[in-house]
Amino acid sequence: MRNWNLRAKEVAYLLNPAFCGRLLHSCIKTYNEVTKRAFPFPLVYLVLPLILHKKTRECISSRTQLIIWQQRYPELLIGFAERTKDMVQITNEAMELLLQSGVVLLTNAAELEISQTIRPLSKTKYVNDEIKDCLNKSEHVAKWFAAAGKVETVYVSLGVRP
């Protein structure tokens, strides 16, 4: 990804750290609530490529286990590893914003938790239908990750190598 001043305006607007951070926050929060455990840091790199790719997002449902979903929609995983690689810098920028603002905390075990001292982020403020859908699907992804078990299982299921 290019530096901010070299990015196309559309890319800078759509993939800004605040928006991407909001999606990551939603996923981390739901994972924390479902598992009562901290979110494994390596999984943050899989969230945005799943959510921001519209065809993939439309098929995401936590009613289906990740492994079953992957078998049902193998065509959605074509190019997923490359999309994931392309989103690393965007994810890093979003995580940097979340960590610097104190909304998300990094544990001693290098896992992520939602800060209990910061007022919760609104699910409805400043959102349209597509943003609501993205936030909703980020919660579904969190439930997938929670049910999948190990980080390695999730990566292998999605065909991505760290």
N, C-alpha and C. Protein backbone atom coordinates (compact mmCIF):
# COMPACT_ATOMS: atom_id res chain seq x y z
N MET A 1 0.85 -1.17 0.00
CA MET A 1 0.00 0.00 0.00
C MET A 1 0.90 1.23 0.00
N ARG A 2 0.45 2.23 -0.69
CA ARG A 2 1.21 3.47 -0.80
C ARG A 2 1.05 4.33 0.45
N ASN A 3 1.97 5.28 0.62
CA ASN A 3 1.84 6.25 1.69
C ASN A 3 0.57 7.07 1.45
N TRP A 4 0.07 7.69 2.52
CA TRP A 4 -1.20 8.42 2.43
C TRP A 4 -1.22 9.44 1.31
N ASN A 5 -0.16 10.19 1.14
CA ASN A 5 -0.18 11.25 0.12
C ASN A 5 -0.11 10.68 -1.30
N LEU A 6 0.22 9.40 -1.45
CA LEU A 6 0.30 8.78 -2.76
C LEU A 6 -0.92 7.89 -3.07
N ARG A 7 -1.80 7.71 -2.10
CA ARG A 7 -2.97 6.85 -2.29
C ARG A 7 -4.06 7.58 -3.06
N ALA A 8 -4.79 6.81 -3.83
CA ALA A 8 -5.96 7.37 -4.50
C ALA A 8 -6.94 7.84 -3.42
N LYS A 9 -7.62 8.94 -3.67
CA LYS A 9 -8.55 9.49 -2.67
C LYS A 9 -9.60 8.47 -2.27
N GLU A 10 -10.10 7.71 -3.23
CA GLU A 10 -11.14 6.73 -2.94
C GLU A 10 -10.63 5.68 -1.96
N VAL A 11 -9.39 5.21 -2.17
CA VAL A 11 -8.79 4.21 -1.28
C VAL A 11 -8.59 4.81 0.10
N ALA A 12 -8.08 6.02 0.14
CA ALA A 12 -7.85 6.68 1.43
C ALA A 12 -9.15 6.89 2.19
N TYR A 13 -10.22 7.24 1.48
CA TYR A 13 -11.51 7.46 2.14
C TYR A 13 -12.13 6.15 2.62
N LEU A 14 -12.13 5.15 1.77
CA LEU A 14 -12.81 3.89 2.10
C LEU A 14 -12.04 3.03 3.10
N LEU A 15 -10.72 3.09 3.05
CA LEU A 15 -9.90 2.23 3.90
C LEU A 15 -9.16 3.04 4.96
N ASN A 16 -9.81 4.06 5.46
CA ASN A 16 -9.17 4.89 6.49
C ASN A 16 -9.10 4.13 7.81
N PRO A 17 -8.12 4.45 8.64
CA PRO A 17 -7.93 3.72 9.90
C PRO A 17 -9.13 3.76 10.84
N ALA A 18 -9.89 4.83 10.83
CA ALA A 18 -11.04 4.92 11.73
C ALA A 18 -12.12 3.90 11.34
N PHE A 19 -12.44 3.83 10.08
CA PHE A 19 -13.45 2.87 9.62
C PHE A 19 -12.98 1.43 9.81
N CYS A 20 -11.77 1.15 9.34
CA CYS A 20 -11.23 -0.21 9.47
C CYS A 20 -11.05 -0.58 10.94
N GLY A 21 -10.64 0.39 11.75
CA GLY A 21 -10.50 0.15 13.19
C GLY A 21 -11.84 -0.16 13.83
N ARG A 22 -12.90 0.48 13.36
CA ARG A 22 -14.24 0.23 13.90
C ARG A 22 -14.67 -1.20 13.62
N LEU A 23 -14.34 -1.70 12.42
CA LEU A 23 -14.66 -3.09 12.08
C LEU A 23 -13.85 -4.06 12.94
N LEU A 24 -12.58 -3.77 13.13
CA LEU A 24 -11.74 -4.62 13.96
C LEU A 24 -12.22 -4.60 15.41
N HIS A 25 -12.59 -3.42 15.89
CA HIS A 25 -13.10 -3.27 17.26
C HIS A 25 -14.33 -4.15 17.46
N SER A 26 -15.24 -4.12 16.53
CA SER A 26 -16.46 -4.91 16.62
C SER A 26 -16.15 -6.40 16.69
N CYS A 27 -15.20 -6.84 15.89
CA CYS A 27 -14.81 -8.25 15.87
C CYS A 27 -14.13 -8.64 17.18
N ILE A 28 -13.21 -7.83 17.65
CA ILE A 28 -12.49 -8.11 18.89
C ILE A 28 -13.46 -8.14 20.07
N LYS A 29 -14.37 -7.18 20.11
CA LYS A 29 -15.34 -7.09 21.21
C LYS A 29 -16.24 -8.32 21.26
N THR A 30 -16.75 -8.72 20.12
CA THR A 30 -17.62 -9.89 20.06
C THR A 30 -16.86 -11.15 20.46
N TYR A 31 -15.65 -11.29 19.98
CA TYR A 31 -14.82 -12.45 20.34
C TYR A 31 -14.60 -12.49 21.85
N ASN A 32 -14.24 -11.33 22.44
CA ASN A 32 -14.04 -11.25 23.89
C ASN A 32 -15.30 -11.66 24.64
N GLU A 33 -16.46 -11.21 24.19
CA GLU A 33 -17.72 -11.51 24.85
C GLU A 33 -18.10 -12.99 24.72
N VAL A 34 -17.90 -13.57 23.55
CA VAL A 34 -18.28 -14.95 23.29
C VAL A 34 -17.37 -15.93 24.02
N THR A 35 -16.08 -15.68 23.98
CA THR A 35 -15.12 -16.65 24.53
C THR A 35 -14.70 -16.34 25.96
N LYS A 36 -14.92 -15.10 26.40
CA LYS A 36 -14.41 -14.64 27.70
C LYS A 36 -12.87 -14.71 27.73
N ARG A 37 -12.28 -14.61 26.55
CA ARG A 37 -10.82 -14.61 26.40
C ARG A 37 -10.41 -13.44 25.51
N ALA A 38 -9.13 -13.12 25.55
CA ALA A 38 -8.58 -12.08 24.69
C ALA A 38 -8.50 -12.59 23.24
N PHE A 39 -8.54 -11.67 22.31
CA PHE A 39 -8.51 -11.96 20.87
C PHE A 39 -7.07 -12.22 20.44
N PRO A 40 -6.78 -13.34 19.78
CA PRO A 40 -5.42 -13.60 19.30
C PRO A 40 -5.01 -12.58 18.23
N PHE A 41 -3.90 -11.91 18.45
CA PHE A 41 -3.48 -10.83 17.55
C PHE A 41 -3.38 -11.25 16.09
N PRO A 42 -2.83 -12.43 15.75
CA PRO A 42 -2.69 -12.78 14.33
C PRO A 42 -4.00 -12.79 13.55
N LEU A 43 -5.12 -12.99 14.23
CA LEU A 43 -6.40 -13.06 13.53
C LEU A 43 -6.86 -11.71 12.99
N VAL A 44 -6.32 -10.60 13.50
CA VAL A 44 -6.76 -9.29 13.01
C VAL A 44 -6.48 -9.14 11.52
N TYR A 45 -5.47 -9.84 11.01
CA TYR A 45 -5.11 -9.70 9.59
C TYR A 45 -6.08 -10.41 8.65
N LEU A 46 -6.98 -11.19 9.19
CA LEU A 46 -7.97 -11.90 8.37
C LEU A 46 -9.32 -11.19 8.33
N VAL A 47 -9.57 -10.31 9.27
CA VAL A 47 -10.90 -9.69 9.40
C VAL A 47 -11.23 -8.79 8.21
N LEU A 48 -10.39 -7.83 7.92
CA LEU A 48 -10.72 -6.86 6.86
C LEU A 48 -10.83 -7.51 5.48
N PRO A 49 -9.94 -8.44 5.11
CA PRO A 49 -10.12 -9.08 3.79
C PRO A 49 -11.44 -9.85 3.67
N LEU A 50 -11.93 -10.37 4.77
CA LEU A 50 -13.22 -11.06 4.74
C LEU A 50 -14.38 -10.06 4.64
N ILE A 51 -14.32 -9.00 5.41
CA ILE A 51 -15.44 -8.05 5.52
C ILE A 51 -15.51 -7.08 4.34
N LEU A 52 -14.39 -6.61 3.89
CA LEU A 52 -14.40 -5.54 2.89
C LEU A 52 -14.59 -6.05 1.46
N HIS A 53 -14.45 -7.33 1.24
CA HIS A 53 -14.72 -7.93 -0.08
C HIS A 53 -16.21 -8.24 -0.13
N LYS A 54 -16.94 -7.48 -0.93
CA LYS A 54 -18.40 -7.52 -0.88
C LYS A 54 -18.99 -8.91 -1.13
N LYS A 55 -18.51 -9.63 -2.13
CA LYS A 55 -19.06 -10.95 -2.42
C LYS A 55 -18.83 -11.91 -1.25
N THR A 56 -17.68 -11.79 -0.61
CA THR A 56 -17.38 -12.63 0.55
C THR A 56 -18.29 -12.23 1.71
N ARG A 57 -18.37 -10.92 1.98
CA ARG A 57 -19.19 -10.42 3.09
C ARG A 57 -20.63 -10.90 2.96
N GLU A 58 -21.17 -10.88 1.76
CA GLU A 58 -22.57 -11.27 1.56
C GLU A 58 -22.84 -12.73 1.93
N CYS A 59 -21.82 -13.57 1.89
CA CYS A 59 -22.00 -15.00 2.17
C CYS A 59 -21.64 -15.39 3.60
N ILE A 60 -21.12 -14.45 4.38
CA ILE A 60 -20.70 -14.75 5.75
C ILE A 60 -21.92 -14.93 6.65
N SER A 61 -21.89 -16.04 7.41
CA SER A 61 -22.94 -16.29 8.40
C SER A 61 -22.34 -17.15 9.50
N SER A 62 -22.51 -16.71 10.72
CA SER A 62 -21.96 -17.48 11.84
C SER A 62 -22.82 -18.70 12.15
N ARG A 63 -23.96 -18.84 11.48
CA ARG A 63 -24.78 -20.05 11.66
C ARG A 63 -24.09 -21.26 11.05
N THR A 64 -23.20 -20.98 10.09
CA THR A 64 -22.42 -22.02 9.44
C THR A 64 -21.01 -21.98 10.01
N GLN A 65 -20.45 -23.12 10.35
CA GLN A 65 -19.08 -23.16 10.83
C GLN A 65 -18.13 -22.74 9.73
N LEU A 66 -16.99 -22.19 10.11
CA LEU A 66 -16.01 -21.70 9.14
C LEU A 66 -15.60 -22.78 8.15
N ILE A 67 -15.35 -23.99 8.63
CA ILE A 67 -14.91 -25.08 7.74
C ILE A 67 -16.00 -25.42 6.72
N ILE A 68 -17.24 -25.47 7.17
CA ILE A 68 -18.36 -25.76 6.26
C ILE A 68 -18.52 -24.62 5.25
N TRP A 69 -18.42 -23.37 5.73
CA TRP A 69 -18.52 -22.21 4.86
C TRP A 69 -17.45 -22.25 3.78
N GLN A 70 -16.24 -22.57 4.19
CA GLN A 70 -15.11 -22.64 3.26
C GLN A 70 -15.36 -23.71 2.19
N GLN A 71 -15.97 -24.83 2.57
CA GLN A 71 -16.28 -25.89 1.61
C GLN A 71 -17.43 -25.50 0.68
N ARG A 72 -18.35 -24.70 1.20
CA ARG A 72 -19.51 -24.27 0.41
C ARG A 72 -19.15 -23.19 -0.62
N TYR A 73 -18.21 -22.34 -0.25
CA TYR A 73 -17.86 -21.19 -1.10
C TYR A 73 -16.37 -21.16 -1.42
N PRO A 74 -15.83 -22.20 -2.02
CA PRO A 74 -14.38 -22.21 -2.30
C PRO A 74 -13.96 -21.10 -3.27
N GLU A 75 -14.88 -20.69 -4.13
CA GLU A 75 -14.56 -19.63 -5.09
C GLU A 75 -14.25 -18.30 -4.41
N LEU A 76 -14.79 -18.09 -3.21
CA LEU A 76 -14.52 -16.83 -2.50
C LEU A 76 -13.11 -16.78 -1.92
N LEU A 77 -12.48 -17.94 -1.82
CA LEU A 77 -11.13 -17.97 -1.28
C LEU A 77 -10.06 -17.85 -2.37
N ILE A 78 -10.50 -17.81 -3.62
CA ILE A 78 -9.54 -17.57 -4.71
C ILE A 78 -9.05 -16.13 -4.57
N GLY A 79 -7.76 -15.98 -4.41
CA GLY A 79 -7.17 -14.66 -4.24
C GLY A 79 -7.24 -14.12 -2.82
N PHE A 80 -7.80 -14.89 -1.89
CA PHE A 80 -7.94 -14.40 -0.52
C PHE A 80 -6.58 -14.15 0.13
N ALA A 81 -5.64 -15.05 -0.09
CA ALA A 81 -4.31 -14.87 0.51
C ALA A 81 -3.66 -13.58 0.00
N GLU A 82 -3.83 -13.29 -1.27
CA GLU A 82 -3.28 -12.05 -1.84
C GLU A 82 -3.99 -10.82 -1.28
N ARG A 83 -5.32 -10.90 -1.15
CA ARG A 83 -6.08 -9.79 -0.54
C ARG A 83 -5.61 -9.55 0.88
N THR A 84 -5.37 -10.63 1.60
CA THR A 84 -4.91 -10.52 2.98
C THR A 84 -3.56 -9.83 3.03
N LYS A 85 -2.67 -10.24 2.16
CA LYS A 85 -1.33 -9.62 2.09
C LYS A 85 -1.44 -8.14 1.75
N ASP A 86 -2.32 -7.80 0.83
CA ASP A 86 -2.50 -6.40 0.43
C ASP A 86 -3.08 -5.53 1.54
N MET A 87 -3.78 -6.15 2.49
CA MET A 87 -4.44 -5.39 3.55
C MET A 87 -3.60 -5.27 4.83
N VAL A 88 -2.39 -5.81 4.84
CA VAL A 88 -1.58 -5.80 6.06
C VAL A 88 -1.32 -4.37 6.54
N GLN A 89 -0.91 -3.48 5.65
CA GLN A 89 -0.61 -2.11 6.08
C GLN A 89 -1.88 -1.40 6.58
N ILE A 90 -2.98 -1.61 5.90
CA ILE A 90 -4.26 -1.00 6.32
C ILE A 90 -4.62 -1.50 7.72
N THR A 91 -4.49 -2.81 7.92
CA THR A 91 -4.80 -3.41 9.23
C THR A 91 -3.87 -2.85 10.30
N ASN A 92 -2.58 -2.74 9.97
CA ASN A 92 -1.62 -2.18 10.93
C ASN A 92 -1.99 -0.75 11.32
N GLU A 93 -2.38 0.05 10.35
CA GLU A 93 -2.76 1.44 10.63
C GLU A 93 -4.00 1.50 11.53
N ALA A 94 -4.97 0.65 11.24
CA ALA A 94 -6.20 0.62 12.05
C ALA A 94 -5.89 0.15 13.47
N MET A 95 -5.06 -0.87 13.61
CA MET A 95 -4.70 -1.36 14.94
C MET A 95 -3.88 -0.32 15.70
N GLU A 96 -3.02 0.39 15.01
CA GLU A 96 -2.25 1.44 15.66
C GLU A 96 -3.17 2.51 16.23
N LEU A 97 -4.19 2.89 15.47
CA LEU A 97 -5.17 3.87 15.95
C LEU A 97 -5.91 3.34 17.18
N LEU A 98 -6.37 2.11 17.12
CA LEU A 98 -7.11 1.53 18.25
C LEU A 98 -6.24 1.43 19.51
N LEU A 99 -5.00 1.03 19.34
CA LEU A 99 -4.10 0.89 20.49
C LEU A 99 -3.69 2.24 21.05
N GLN A 100 -3.38 3.20 20.18
CA GLN A 100 -2.98 4.53 20.66
C GLN A 100 -4.12 5.27 21.33
N SER A 101 -5.33 5.03 20.88
CA SER A 101 -6.48 5.71 21.48
C SER A 101 -6.93 5.03 22.77
N GLY A 102 -6.42 3.85 23.03
CA GLY A 102 -6.77 3.13 24.25
C GLY A 102 -8.09 2.39 24.19
N VAL A 103 -8.69 2.32 23.02
CA VAL A 103 -9.95 1.61 22.85
C VAL A 103 -9.72 0.10 22.93
N VAL A 104 -8.58 -0.32 22.40
CA VAL A 104 -8.18 -1.73 22.45
C VAL A 104 -6.86 -1.80 23.21
N LEU A 105 -6.72 -2.83 24.03
CA LEU A 105 -5.52 -3.01 24.84
C LEU A 105 -4.78 -4.27 24.42
N LEU A 106 -3.47 -4.21 24.44
CA LEU A 106 -2.63 -5.35 24.14
C LEU A 106 -2.22 -5.99 25.46
N THR A 107 -2.52 -7.27 25.64
CA THR A 107 -2.19 -7.96 26.89
C THR A 107 -0.72 -8.37 26.89
N ASN A 108 -0.25 -8.85 28.02
CA ASN A 108 1.12 -9.34 28.13
C ASN A 108 1.36 -10.56 27.25
N ALA A 109 0.31 -11.27 26.92
CA ALA A 109 0.40 -12.45 26.06
C ALA A 109 0.23 -12.09 24.57
N ALA A 110 0.31 -10.79 24.26
CA ALA A 110 0.17 -10.29 22.89
C ALA A 110 -1.20 -10.63 22.30
N GLU A 111 -2.23 -10.48 23.10
CA GLU A 111 -3.61 -10.65 22.66
C GLU A 111 -4.35 -9.34 22.87
N LEU A 112 -5.54 -9.24 22.31
CA LEU A 112 -6.27 -7.97 22.30
C LEU A 112 -7.54 -8.05 23.13
N GLU A 113 -7.76 -6.99 23.90
CA GLU A 113 -8.98 -6.86 24.70
C GLU A 113 -9.55 -5.46 24.51
N ILE A 114 -10.85 -5.34 24.68
CA ILE A 114 -11.52 -4.04 24.62
C ILE A 114 -11.33 -3.36 25.97
N SER A 115 -10.99 -2.10 25.94
CA SER A 115 -10.82 -1.33 27.17
C SER A 115 -12.16 -1.18 27.88
N GLN A 116 -12.16 -1.39 29.17
CA GLN A 116 -13.39 -1.23 29.96
C GLN A 116 -13.55 0.21 30.45
N THR A 117 -12.51 1.02 30.30
CA THR A 117 -12.57 2.40 30.80
C THR A 117 -13.06 3.38 29.74
N ILE A 118 -13.07 2.98 28.50
CA ILE A 118 -13.53 3.84 27.40
C ILE A 118 -15.01 3.57 27.15
N ARG A 119 -15.76 4.62 26.92
CA ARG A 119 -17.19 4.48 26.62
C ARG A 119 -17.36 3.62 25.36
N PRO A 120 -18.30 2.67 25.36
CA PRO A 120 -18.50 1.78 24.21
C PRO A 120 -18.81 2.56 22.94
N LEU A 121 -18.33 2.05 21.81
CA LEU A 121 -18.61 2.67 20.52
C LEU A 121 -20.04 2.35 20.09
N SER A 122 -20.69 3.32 19.50
CA SER A 122 -22.07 3.15 19.05
C SER A 122 -22.13 2.28 17.80
N LYS A 123 -23.15 1.44 17.73
CA LYS A 123 -23.37 0.61 16.55
C LYS A 123 -24.20 1.35 15.50
N THR A 124 -24.86 2.42 15.90
CA THR A 124 -25.80 3.08 15.00
C THR A 124 -25.42 4.50 14.62
N LYS A 125 -24.50 5.10 15.34
CA LYS A 125 -24.15 6.49 15.07
C LYS A 125 -23.21 6.56 13.86
N TYR A 126 -23.53 7.45 12.94
CA TYR A 126 -22.74 7.69 11.73
C TYR A 126 -22.63 6.46 10.84
N VAL A 127 -23.69 5.70 10.71
CA VAL A 127 -23.64 4.52 9.86
C VAL A 127 -24.78 4.50 8.86
N ASN A 128 -24.51 3.90 7.71
CA ASN A 128 -25.57 3.65 6.74
C ASN A 128 -25.76 2.14 6.66
N ASP A 129 -26.59 1.66 5.75
CA ASP A 129 -26.90 0.23 5.68
C ASP A 129 -25.67 -0.62 5.40
N GLU A 130 -24.79 -0.15 4.53
CA GLU A 130 -23.61 -0.95 4.20
C GLU A 130 -22.65 -1.03 5.39
N ILE A 131 -22.49 0.06 6.11
CA ILE A 131 -21.63 0.04 7.30
C ILE A 131 -22.24 -0.86 8.37
N LYS A 132 -23.56 -0.81 8.53
CA LYS A 132 -24.23 -1.72 9.48
C LYS A 132 -23.97 -3.17 9.11
N ASP A 133 -24.03 -3.45 7.82
CA ASP A 133 -23.77 -4.81 7.35
C ASP A 133 -22.33 -5.22 7.65
N CYS A 134 -21.39 -4.33 7.41
CA CYS A 134 -19.98 -4.61 7.70
C CYS A 134 -19.78 -4.88 9.19
N LEU A 135 -20.38 -4.08 10.04
CA LEU A 135 -20.26 -4.27 11.49
C LEU A 135 -20.90 -5.59 11.92
N ASN A 136 -22.06 -5.89 11.36
CA ASN A 136 -22.74 -7.14 11.67
C ASN A 136 -21.88 -8.34 11.25
N LYS A 137 -21.33 -8.29 10.06
CA LYS A 137 -20.53 -9.40 9.57
C LYS A 137 -19.22 -9.54 10.35
N SER A 138 -18.71 -8.44 10.87
CA SER A 138 -17.49 -8.55 11.70
C SER A 138 -17.79 -9.33 12.98
N GLU A 139 -19.00 -9.21 13.47
CA GLU A 139 -19.42 -10.01 14.63
C GLU A 139 -19.54 -11.48 14.26
N HIS A 140 -20.04 -11.76 13.07
CA HIS A 140 -20.12 -13.15 12.60
C HIS A 140 -18.72 -13.76 12.48
N VAL A 141 -17.79 -12.99 11.94
CA VAL A 141 -16.41 -13.46 11.81
C VAL A 141 -15.82 -13.77 13.18
N ALA A 142 -16.10 -12.92 14.15
CA ALA A 142 -15.61 -13.16 15.52
C ALA A 142 -16.15 -14.49 16.05
N LYS A 143 -17.40 -14.78 15.78
CA LYS A 143 -18.00 -16.04 16.24
C LYS A 143 -17.37 -17.23 15.53
N TRP A 144 -17.05 -17.06 14.25
CA TRP A 144 -16.32 -18.11 13.52
C TRP A 144 -15.00 -18.40 14.21
N PHE A 145 -14.25 -17.33 14.46
CA PHE A 145 -12.93 -17.48 15.07
C PHE A 145 -13.04 -18.11 16.45
N ALA A 146 -14.05 -17.72 17.19
CA ALA A 146 -14.24 -18.26 18.54
C ALA A 146 -14.51 -19.77 18.50
N ALA A 147 -15.28 -20.20 17.53
CA ALA A 147 -15.64 -21.61 17.42
C ALA A 147 -14.56 -22.46 16.76
N ALA A 148 -13.69 -21.82 16.00
CA ALA A 148 -12.69 -22.57 15.23
C ALA A 148 -11.57 -23.13 16.07
N GLY A 149 -11.31 -22.52 17.20
CA GLY A 149 -10.24 -23.03 18.05
C GLY A 149 -8.94 -22.29 17.83
N LYS A 150 -7.94 -23.00 17.37
CA LYS A 150 -6.60 -22.44 17.24
C LYS A 150 -6.48 -21.47 16.07
N VAL A 151 -5.57 -20.53 16.21
CA VAL A 151 -5.28 -19.56 15.15
C VAL A 151 -4.86 -20.28 13.88
N GLU A 152 -4.04 -21.30 14.04
CA GLU A 152 -3.54 -22.06 12.89
C GLU A 152 -4.69 -22.68 12.10
N THR A 153 -5.70 -23.14 12.81
CA THR A 153 -6.88 -23.75 12.16
C THR A 153 -7.57 -22.73 11.26
N VAL A 154 -7.71 -21.52 11.75
CA VAL A 154 -8.38 -20.48 10.98
C VAL A 154 -7.55 -20.14 9.74
N TYR A 155 -6.26 -19.96 9.91
CA TYR A 155 -5.39 -19.64 8.77
C TYR A 155 -5.42 -20.74 7.72
N VAL A 156 -5.32 -21.99 8.15
CA VAL A 156 -5.33 -23.11 7.20
C VAL A 156 -6.69 -23.18 6.50
N SER A 157 -7.76 -22.98 7.23
CA SER A 157 -9.11 -23.04 6.64
C SER A 157 -9.28 -22.01 5.53
N LEU A 158 -8.65 -20.87 5.70
CA LEU A 158 -8.80 -19.79 4.72
C LEU A 158 -7.68 -19.80 3.67
N GLY A 159 -6.77 -20.76 3.78
CA GLY A 159 -5.71 -20.89 2.78
C GLY A 159 -4.65 -19.82 2.86
N VAL A 160 -4.38 -19.33 4.05
CA VAL A 160 -3.40 -18.26 4.23
C VAL A 160 -2.26 -18.78 5.10
N ARG A 161 -1.04 -18.44 4.70
CA ARG A 161 0.13 -18.75 5.53
C ARG A 161 0.61 -17.46 6.18
N PRO A 162 0.91 -17.52 7.49
CA PRO A 162 1.40 -16.30 8.16
C PRO A 162 2.75 -15.86 7.59
